[in-house]
PDB file of N, CA and C in Angstrom:
ATOM      1  N   MET A   1     -26.296  35.464 -24.642  1.00  0.00           N
ATOM      2  CA  MET A   1     -27.342  35.164 -23.694  1.00  0.00           C
ATOM      3  C   MET A   1     -28.539  34.523 -24.410  1.00  0.00           C
ATOM      4  N   THR A   2     -28.828  34.969 -25.577  1.00  0.00           N
ATOM      5  CA  THR A   2     -29.961  34.384 -26.296  1.00  0.00           C
ATOM      6  C   THR A   2     -29.659  32.959 -26.739  1.00  0.00           C
ATOM      7  N   VAL A   3     -28.386  32.612 -26.877  1.00  0.00           N
ATOM      8  CA  VAL A   3     -28.017  31.252 -27.285  1.00  0.00           C
ATOM      9  C   VAL A   3     -28.389  30.256 -26.189  1.00  0.00           C
ATOM     10  N   PHE A   4     -28.189  30.668 -24.926  1.00  0.00           N
ATOM     11  CA  PHE A   4     -28.429  29.761 -23.805  1.00  0.00           C
ATOM     12  C   PHE A   4     -29.779  30.011 -23.111  1.00  0.00           C
ATOM     13  N   ALA A   5     -30.700  30.711 -23.773  1.00  0.00           N
ATOM     14  CA  ALA A   5     -31.996  30.985 -23.173  1.00  0.00           C
ATOM     15  C   ALA A   5     -32.809  29.695 -23.047  1.00  0.00           C
ATOM     16  N   ASN A   6     -32.632  28.786 -23.957  1.00  0.00           N
ATOM     17  CA  ASN A   6     -33.322  27.510 -23.893  1.00  0.00           C
ATOM     18  C   ASN A   6     -32.471  26.548 -23.056  1.00  0.00           C
ATOM     19  N   THR A   7     -32.994  26.078 -21.948  1.00  0.00           N
ATOM     20  CA  THR A   7     -32.184  25.277 -21.032  1.00  0.00           C
ATOM     21  C   THR A   7     -31.803  23.923 -21.635  1.00  0.00           C
ATOM     22  N   ILE A   8     -32.645  23.355 -22.458  1.00  0.00           N
ATOM     23  CA  ILE A   8     -32.310  22.073 -23.070  1.00  0.00           C
ATOM     24  C   ILE A   8     -31.079  22.223 -23.949  1.00  0.00           C
ATOM     25  N   ARG A   9     -31.034  23.316 -24.720  1.00  0.00           N
ATOM     26  CA  ARG A   9     -29.857  23.568 -25.557  1.00  0.00           C
ATOM     27  C   ARG A   9     -28.620  23.800 -24.712  1.00  0.00           C
ATOM     28  N   TRP A  10     -28.797  24.455 -23.583  1.00  0.00           N
ATOM     29  CA  TRP A  10     -27.659  24.722 -22.702  1.00  0.00           C
ATOM     30  C   TRP A  10     -27.089  23.418 -22.157  1.00  0.00           C
ATOM     31  N   PHE A  11     -27.969  22.504 -21.715  1.00  0.00           N
ATOM     32  CA  PHE A  11     -27.490  21.223 -21.205  1.00  0.00           C
ATOM     33  C   PHE A  11     -26.855  20.381 -22.316  1.00  0.00           C
ATOM     34  N   LYS A  12     -27.373  20.496 -23.533  1.00  0.00           N
ATOM     35  CA  LYS A  12     -26.781  19.774 -24.655  1.00  0.00           C
ATOM     36  C   LYS A  12     -25.403  20.302 -24.997  1.00  0.00           C
ATOM     37  N   SER A  13     -25.186  21.581 -24.747  1.00  0.00           N
ATOM     38  CA  SER A  13     -23.902  22.173 -25.108  1.00  0.00           C
ATOM     39  C   SER A  13     -22.799  21.849 -24.103  1.00  0.00           C
ATOM     40  N   LEU A  14     -23.150  21.317 -22.929  1.00  0.00           N
ATOM     41  CA  LEU A  14     -22.134  20.987 -21.923  1.00  0.00           C
ATOM     42  C   LEU A  14     -21.343  19.752 -22.345  1.00  0.00           C
ATOM     43  N   SER A  15     -20.107  19.736 -21.938  1.00  0.00           N
ATOM     44  CA  SER A  15     -19.228  18.612 -22.235  1.00  0.00           C
ATOM     45  C   SER A  15     -19.599  17.414 -21.362  1.00  0.00           C
ATOM     46  N   ILE A  16     -19.256  16.242 -21.839  1.00  0.00           N
ATOM     47  CA  ILE A  16     -19.529  15.026 -21.060  1.00  0.00           C
ATOM     48  C   ILE A  16     -18.696  15.019 -19.783  1.00  0.00           C
ATOM     49  N   LEU A  17     -17.566  15.686 -19.770  1.00  0.00           N
ATOM     50  CA  LEU A  17     -16.744  15.791 -18.563  1.00  0.00           C
ATOM     51  C   LEU A  17     -17.473  16.548 -17.453  1.00  0.00           C
ATOM     52  N   VAL A  18     -18.274  17.521 -17.828  1.00  0.00           N
ATOM     53  CA  VAL A  18     -19.048  18.272 -16.841  1.00  0.00           C
ATOM     54  C   VAL A  18     -20.066  17.341 -16.177  1.00  0.00           C
ATOM     55  N   TYR A  19     -20.731  16.526 -16.982  1.00  0.00           N
ATOM     56  CA  TYR A  19     -21.696  15.584 -16.424  1.00  0.00           C
ATOM     57  C   TYR A  19     -20.998  14.556 -15.526  1.00  0.00           C
ATOM     58  N   ALA A  20     -19.845  14.075 -15.953  1.00  0.00           N
ATOM     59  CA  ALA A  20     -19.091  13.108 -15.161  1.00  0.00           C
ATOM     60  C   ALA A  20     -18.678  13.725 -13.824  1.00  0.00           C
ATOM     61  N   ALA A  21     -18.214  14.958 -13.850  1.00  0.00           N
ATOM     62  CA  ALA A  21     -17.807  15.631 -12.619  1.00  0.00           C
ATOM     63  C   ALA A  21     -19.005  15.863 -11.699  1.00  0.00           C
ATOM     64  N   PHE A  22     -20.129  16.248 -12.280  1.00  0.00           N
ATOM     65  CA  PHE A  22     -21.332  16.491 -11.477  1.00  0.00           C
ATOM     66  C   PHE A  22     -21.791  15.216 -10.772  1.00  0.00           C
ATOM     67  N   PHE A  23     -21.896  14.112 -11.509  1.00  0.00           N
ATOM     68  CA  PHE A  23     -22.384  12.870 -10.915  1.00  0.00           C
ATOM     69  C   PHE A  23     -21.370  12.270  -9.940  1.00  0.00           C
ATOM     70  N   THR A  24     -20.082  12.456 -10.210  1.00  0.00           N
ATOM     71  CA  THR A  24     -19.065  12.012  -9.256  1.00  0.00           C
ATOM     72  C   THR A  24     -19.187  12.782  -7.953  1.00  0.00           C
ATOM     73  N   ALA A  25     -19.356  14.089  -8.047  1.00  0.00           N
ATOM     74  CA  ALA A  25     -19.517  14.909  -6.847  1.00  0.00           C
ATOM     75  C   ALA A  25     -20.806  14.539  -6.106  1.00  0.00           C
ATOM     76  N   LEU A  26     -21.860  14.262  -6.846  1.00  0.00           N
ATOM     77  CA  LEU A  26     -23.125  13.887  -6.224  1.00  0.00           C
ATOM     78  C   LEU A  26     -22.987  12.577  -5.438  1.00  0.00           C
ATOM     79  N   ILE A  27     -22.385  11.581  -6.047  1.00  0.00           N
ATOM     80  CA  ILE A  27     -22.185  10.292  -5.371  1.00  0.00           C
ATOM     81  C   ILE A  27     -21.268  10.460  -4.167  1.00  0.00           C
ATOM     82  N   PHE A  28     -20.203  11.236  -4.317  1.00  0.00           N
ATOM     83  CA  PHE A  28     -19.280  11.476  -3.216  1.00  0.00           C
ATOM     84  C   PHE A  28     -19.986  12.163  -2.050  1.00  0.00           C
ATOM     85  N   HIS A  29     -20.846  13.127  -2.320  1.00  0.00           N
ATOM     86  CA  HIS A  29     -21.582  13.819  -1.261  1.00  0.00           C
ATOM     87  C   HIS A  29     -22.573  12.874  -0.571  1.00  0.00           C
ATOM     88  N   ILE A  30     -23.238  12.048  -1.343  1.00  0.00           N
ATOM     89  CA  ILE A  30     -24.161  11.076  -0.743  1.00  0.00           C
ATOM     90  C   ILE A  30     -23.401  10.141   0.191  1.00  0.00           C
ATOM     91  N   PHE A  31     -22.240   9.667  -0.238  1.00  0.00           N
ATOM     92  CA  PHE A  31     -21.416   8.798   0.604  1.00  0.00           C
ATOM     93  C   PHE A  31     -20.984   9.515   1.874  1.00  0.00           C
ATOM     94  N   LEU A  32     -20.508  10.742   1.739  1.00  0.00           N
ATOM     95  CA  LEU A  32     -20.046  11.487   2.914  1.00  0.00           C
ATOM     96  C   LEU A  32     -21.190  11.770   3.889  1.00  0.00           C
ATOM     97  N   ILE A  33     -22.341  12.096   3.371  1.00  0.00           N
ATOM     98  CA  ILE A  33     -23.489  12.385   4.240  1.00  0.00           C
ATOM     99  C   ILE A  33     -23.899  11.124   5.002  1.00  0.00           C
ATOM    100  N   SER A  34     -24.006  10.008   4.295  1.00  0.00           N
ATOM    101  CA  SER A  34     -24.413   8.774   4.977  1.00  0.00           C
ATOM    102  C   SER A  34     -23.365   8.329   5.986  1.00  0.00           C
ATOM    103  N   ARG A  35     -22.115   8.463   5.652  1.00  0.00           N
ATOM    104  CA  ARG A  35     -21.028   8.093   6.577  1.00  0.00           C
ATOM    105  C   ARG A  35     -20.994   9.062   7.752  1.00  0.00           C
ATOM    106  N   GLY A  36     -21.214  10.329   7.491  1.00  0.00           N
ATOM    107  CA  GLY A  36     -21.207  11.333   8.552  1.00  0.00           C
ATOM    108  C   GLY A  36     -22.330  11.126   9.546  1.00  0.00           C
ATOM    109  N   ILE A  37     -23.510  10.774   9.062  1.00  0.00           N
ATOM    110  CA  ILE A  37     -24.639  10.519   9.957  1.00  0.00           C
ATOM    111  C   ILE A  37     -24.327   9.317  10.844  1.00  0.00           C
ATOM    112  N   ALA A  38     -23.742   8.275  10.271  1.00  0.00           N
ATOM    113  CA  ALA A  38     -23.388   7.091  11.061  1.00  0.00           C
ATOM    114  C   ALA A  38     -22.352   7.433  12.121  1.00  0.00           C
ATOM    115  N   LEU A  39     -21.377   8.250  11.774  1.00  0.00           N
ATOM    116  CA  LEU A  39     -20.347   8.636  12.745  1.00  0.00           C
ATOM    117  C   LEU A  39     -20.919   9.508  13.855  1.00  0.00           C
ATOM    118  N   ILE A  40     -21.812  10.411  13.505  1.00  0.00           N
ATOM    119  CA  ILE A  40     -22.435  11.273  14.520  1.00  0.00           C
ATOM    120  C   ILE A  40     -23.249  10.428  15.487  1.00  0.00           C
ATOM    121  N   LYS A  41     -23.994   9.453  14.958  1.00  0.00           N
ATOM    122  CA  LYS A  41     -24.773   8.577  15.826  1.00  0.00           C
ATOM    123  C   LYS A  41     -23.864   7.763  16.736  1.00  0.00           C
ATOM    124  N   ALA A  42     -22.750   7.285  16.197  1.00  0.00           N
ATOM    125  CA  ALA A  42     -21.834   6.463  16.986  1.00  0.00           C
ATOM    126  C   ALA A  42     -21.185   7.275  18.113  1.00  0.00           C
ATOM    127  N   LYS A  43     -20.913   8.542  17.861  1.00  0.00           N
ATOM    128  CA  LYS A  43     -20.284   9.379  18.877  1.00  0.00           C
ATOM    129  C   LYS A  43     -21.269   9.913  19.908  1.00  0.00           C
ATOM    130  N   ASN A  44     -22.544   9.887  19.590  1.00  0.00           N
ATOM    131  CA  ASN A  44     -23.557  10.398  20.495  1.00  0.00           C
ATOM    132  C   ASN A  44     -23.806   9.365  21.599  1.00  0.00           C
ATOM    133  N   GLU A  45     -23.552   9.728  22.846  1.00  0.00           N
ATOM    134  CA  GLU A  45     -23.667   8.795  23.959  1.00  0.00           C
ATOM    135  C   GLU A  45     -25.108   8.349  24.174  1.00  0.00           C
ATOM    136  N   ALA A  46     -26.037   9.255  24.032  1.00  0.00           N
ATOM    137  CA  ALA A  46     -27.442   8.915  24.250  1.00  0.00           C
ATOM    138  C   ALA A  46     -27.907   7.882  23.229  1.00  0.00           C
ATOM    139  N   PHE A  47     -27.498   8.043  21.983  1.00  0.00           N
ATOM    140  CA  PHE A  47     -27.887   7.081  20.951  1.00  0.00           C
ATOM    141  C   PHE A  47     -27.228   5.734  21.209  1.00  0.00           C
ATOM    142  N   SER A  48     -25.977   5.740  21.657  1.00  0.00           N
ATOM    143  CA  SER A  48     -25.287   4.489  21.955  1.00  0.00           C
ATOM    144  C   SER A  48     -25.976   3.736  23.087  1.00  0.00           C
ATOM    145  N   GLU A  49     -26.379   4.462  24.128  1.00  0.00           N
ATOM    146  CA  GLU A  49     -27.090   3.829  25.239  1.00  0.00           C
ATOM    147  C   GLU A  49     -28.432   3.278  24.770  1.00  0.00           C
ATOM    148  N   TYR A  50     -29.126   4.041  23.944  1.00  0.00           N
ATOM    149  CA  TYR A  50     -30.428   3.608  23.407  1.00  0.00           C
ATOM    150  C   TYR A  50     -30.267   2.329  22.593  1.00  0.00           C
ATOM    151  N   LYS A  51     -29.251   2.300  21.740  1.00  0.00           N
ATOM    152  CA  LYS A  51     -29.019   1.130  20.910  1.00  0.00           C
ATOM    153  C   LYS A  51     -28.666  -0.082  21.772  1.00  0.00           C
ATOM    154  N   GLN A  52     -27.877   0.123  22.823  1.00  0.00           N
ATOM    155  CA  GLN A  52     -27.508  -0.958  23.727  1.00  0.00           C
ATOM    156  C   GLN A  52     -28.743  -1.515  24.437  1.00  0.00           C
ATOM    157  N   LEU A  53     -29.642  -0.631  24.872  1.00  0.00           N
ATOM    158  CA  LEU A  53     -30.867  -1.075  25.543  1.00  0.00           C
ATOM    159  C   LEU A  53     -31.745  -1.895  24.605  1.00  0.00           C
ATOM    160  N   ILE A  54     -31.829  -1.479  23.354  1.00  0.00           N
ATOM    161  CA  ILE A  54     -32.627  -2.218  22.372  1.00  0.00           C
ATOM    162  C   ILE A  54     -32.039  -3.608  22.160  1.00  0.00           C
ATOM    163  N   LEU A  55     -30.715  -3.695  22.047  1.00  0.00           N
ATOM    164  CA  LEU A  55     -30.080  -4.995  21.855  1.00  0.00           C
ATOM    165  C   LEU A  55     -30.320  -5.910  23.058  1.00  0.00           C
ATOM    166  N   GLU A  56     -30.246  -5.357  24.266  1.00  0.00           N
ATOM    167  CA  GLU A  56     -30.491  -6.153  25.466  1.00  0.00           C
ATOM    168  C   GLU A  56     -31.937  -6.639  25.516  1.00  0.00           C
ATOM    169  N   ASP A  57     -32.874  -5.784  25.147  1.00  0.00           N
ATOM    170  CA  ASP A  57     -34.282  -6.183  25.119  1.00  0.00           C
ATOM    171  C   ASP A  57     -34.519  -7.307  24.109  1.00  0.00           C
ATOM    172  N   GLU A  58     -33.908  -7.206  22.933  1.00  0.00           N
ATOM    173  CA  GLU A  58     -34.067  -8.239  21.916  1.00  0.00           C
ATOM    174  C   GLU A  58     -33.495  -9.564  22.396  1.00  0.00           C
ATOM    175  N   LYS A  59     -32.328  -9.514  23.078  1.00  0.00           N
ATOM    176  CA  LYS A  59     -31.742 -10.752  23.605  1.00  0.00           C
ATOM    177  C   LYS A  59     -32.639 -11.362  24.669  1.00  0.00           C
ATOM    178  N   ALA A  60     -33.218 -10.519  25.525  1.00  0.00           N
ATOM    179  CA  ALA A  60     -34.107 -11.015  26.575  1.00  0.00           C
ATOM    180  C   ALA A  60     -35.346 -11.657  25.964  1.00  0.00           C
ATOM    181  N   GLU A  61     -35.910 -11.051  24.932  1.00  0.00           N
ATOM    182  CA  GLU A  61     -37.087 -11.611  24.270  1.00  0.00           C
ATOM    183  C   GLU A  61     -36.756 -12.957  23.619  1.00  0.00           C
ATOM    184  N   LYS A  62     -35.598 -13.042  22.980  1.00  0.00           N
ATOM    185  CA  LYS A  62     -35.199 -14.296  22.350  1.00  0.00           C
ATOM    186  C   LYS A  62     -35.008 -15.386  23.392  1.00  0.00           C
ATOM    187  N   SER A  63     -34.384 -15.058  24.517  1.00  0.00           N
ATOM    188  CA  SER A  63     -34.166 -16.065  25.554  1.00  0.00           C
ATOM    189  C   SER A  63     -35.495 -16.494  26.170  1.00  0.00           C
ATOM    190  N   ASP A  64     -36.439 -15.543  26.347  1.00  0.00           N
ATOM    191  CA  ASP A  64     -37.760 -15.897  26.875  1.00  0.00           C
ATOM    192  C   ASP A  64     -38.492 -16.851  25.931  1.00  0.00           C
ATOM    193  N   LYS A  65     -38.422 -16.564  24.639  1.00  0.00           N
ATOM    194  CA  LYS A  65     -39.087 -17.414  23.651  1.00  0.00           C
ATOM    195  C   LYS A  65     -38.461 -18.803  23.636  1.00  0.00           C
ATOM    196  N   SER A  66     -37.130 -18.870  23.706  1.00  0.00           N
ATOM    197  CA  SER A  66     -36.473 -20.180  23.672  1.00  0.00           C
ATOM    198  C   SER A  66     -36.790 -20.970  24.940  1.00  0.00           C
ATOM    199  N   GLU A  67     -36.899 -20.300  26.104  1.00  0.00           N
ATOM    200  CA  GLU A  67     -37.261 -20.984  27.340  1.00  0.00           C
ATOM    201  C   GLU A  67     -38.681 -21.532  27.256  1.00  0.00           C
ATOM    202  N   LYS A  68     -39.588 -20.763  26.675  1.00  0.00           N
ATOM    203  CA  LYS A  68     -40.963 -21.225  26.527  1.00  0.00           C
ATOM    204  C   LYS A  68     -41.027 -22.431  25.593  1.00  0.00           C
ATOM    205  N   GLN A  69     -40.268 -22.393  24.508  1.00  0.00           N
ATOM    206  CA  GLN A  69     -40.256 -23.505  23.568  1.00  0.00           C
ATOM    207  C   GLN A  69     -39.669 -24.747  24.219  1.00  0.00           C
ATOM    208  N   GLN A  70     -38.619 -24.577  25.019  1.00  0.00           N
ATOM    209  CA  GLN A  70     -38.026 -25.716  25.710  1.00  0.00           C
ATOM    210  C   GLN A  70     -38.998 -26.265  26.745  1.00  0.00           C
ATOM    211  N   GLY A  71     -39.740 -25.402  27.413  1.00  0.00           N
ATOM    212  CA  GLY A  71     -40.744 -25.844  28.375  1.00  0.00           C
ATOM    213  C   GLY A  71     -41.832 -26.640  27.695  1.00  0.00           C
ATOM    214  N   ASN A  72     -42.263 -26.209  26.513  1.00  0.00           N
ATOM    215  CA  ASN A  72     -43.281 -26.939  25.755  1.00  0.00           C
ATOM    216  C   ASN A  72     -42.759 -28.298  25.317  1.00  0.00           C
ATOM    217  N   LYS A  73     -41.496 -28.371  24.933  1.00  0.00           N
ATOM    218  CA  LYS A  73     -40.907 -29.640  24.519  1.00  0.00           C
ATOM    219  C   LYS A  73     -40.835 -30.602  25.697  1.00  0.00           C
ATOM    220  N   LYS A  74     -40.504 -30.084  26.881  1.00  0.00           N
ATOM    221  CA  LYS A  74     -40.436 -30.942  28.065  1.00  0.00           C
ATOM    222  C   LYS A  74     -41.811 -31.493  28.404  1.00  0.00           C
ATOM    223  N   LYS A  75     -42.858 -30.688  28.280  1.00  0.00           N
ATOM    224  CA  LYS A  75     -44.212 -31.156  28.529  1.00  0.00           C
ATOM    225  C   LYS A  75     -44.587 -32.253  27.549  1.00  0.00           C
ATOM    226  N   ASP A  76     -44.223 -32.087  26.285  1.00  0.00           N
ATOM    227  CA  ASP A  76     -44.523 -33.081  25.270  1.00  0.00           C
ATOM    228  C   ASP A  76     -43.822 -34.397  25.576  1.00  0.00           C
ATOM    229  N   THR A  77     -42.571 -34.346  26.016  1.00  0.00           N
ATOM    230  CA  THR A  77     -41.830 -35.567  26.292  1.00  0.00           C
ATOM    231  C   THR A  77     -42.361 -36.258  27.530  1.00  0.00           C
ATOM    232  N   THR A  78     -42.797 -35.517  28.547  1.00  0.00           N
ATOM    233  CA  THR A  78     -43.357 -36.159  29.734  1.00  0.00           C
ATOM    234  C   THR A  78     -44.691 -36.798  29.419  1.00  0.00           C
ATOM    235  N   GLU A  79     -45.436 -36.206  28.552  1.00  0.00           N
ATOM    236  CA  GLU A  79     -46.721 -36.763  28.171  1.00  0.00           C
ATOM    237  C   GLU A  79     -46.538 -38.074  27.420  1.00  0.00           C
ATOM    238  N   VAL A  80     -45.534 -38.149  26.579  1.00  0.00           N
ATOM    239  CA  VAL A  80     -45.257 -39.356  25.818  1.00  0.00           C
ATOM    240  C   VAL A  80     -44.747 -40.455  26.751  1.00  0.00           C
ATOM    241  N   ALA A  81     -44.006 -40.083  27.790  1.00  0.00           N
ATOM    242  CA  ALA A  81     -43.417 -41.065  28.685  1.00  0.00           C
ATOM    243  C   ALA A  81     -44.455 -41.729  29.580  1.00  0.00           C
ATOM    244  N   GLU A  82     -45.631 -41.159  29.768  1.00  0.00           N
ATOM    245  CA  GLU A  82     -46.659 -41.732  30.621  1.00  0.00           C
ATOM    246  C   GLU A  82     -47.279 -42.961  29.958  1.00  0.00           C
ATOM    247  N   PRO A  83     -47.644 -43.929  30.739  1.00  0.00           N
ATOM    248  CA  PRO A  83     -48.316 -45.109  30.161  1.00  0.00           C
ATOM    249  C   PRO A  83     -49.679 -44.725  29.592  1.00  0.00           C
ATOM    250  N   GLU A  84     -50.165 -45.519  28.670  1.00  0.00           N
ATOM    251  CA  GLU A  84     -51.424 -45.204  28.009  1.00  0.00           C
ATOM    252  C   GLU A  84     -52.621 -45.382  28.935  1.00  0.00           C
ATOM    253  N   ASP A  85     -52.495 -46.229  29.958  1.00  0.00           N
ATOM    254  CA  ASP A  85     -53.596 -46.432  30.905  1.00  0.00           C
ATOM    255  C   ASP A  85     -53.928 -45.130  31.624  1.00  0.00           C
ATOM    256  N   LYS A  86     -52.904 -44.389  32.027  1.00  0.00           N
ATOM    257  CA  LYS A  86     -53.138 -43.138  32.736  1.00  0.00           C
ATOM    258  C   LYS A  86     -53.764 -42.103  31.801  1.00  0.00           C
ATOM    259  N   LYS A  87     -53.360 -42.126  30.554  1.00  0.00           N
ATOM    260  CA  LYS A  87     -53.921 -41.165  29.592  1.00  0.00           C
ATOM    261  C   LYS A  87     -55.406 -41.423  29.394  1.00  0.00           C
ATOM    262  N   ARG A  88     -55.796 -42.657  29.411  1.00  0.00           N
ATOM    263  CA  ARG A  88     -57.207 -42.981  29.202  1.00  0.00           C
ATOM    264  C   ARG A  88     -58.052 -42.562  30.401  1.00  0.00           C
ATOM    265  N   LEU A  89     -57.471 -42.668  31.583  1.00  0.00           N
ATOM    266  CA  LEU A  89     -58.205 -42.288  32.783  1.00  0.00           C
ATOM    267  C   LEU A  89     -58.413 -40.777  32.874  1.00  0.00           C
ATOM    268  N   ILE A  90     -57.484 -40.041  32.329  1.00  0.00           N
ATOM    269  CA  ILE A  90     -57.564 -38.584  32.400  1.00  0.00           C
ATOM    270  C   ILE A  90     -58.531 -38.120  31.387  1.00  0.00           C
TER     271      ILE A  90
END
């Protein structure tokens, strides 16, 4: 017991295989936890509906922005198509 009272000496006395096993288990657990959380979210109906609503909102916002940009382009082209005499009068 007195040999392993100093923790630094105890860690130095461990085999490299112990460290390899520890870090392998740690990485494996991190992978399983992250994969498990993703699977739980995917199986949860409320989360799936929430995610679907967010995607629909994003698509609607993108389509609104593209419609506004197309409307601005149409205004620019109509302005260019007008004769210069009318532009001066305005």
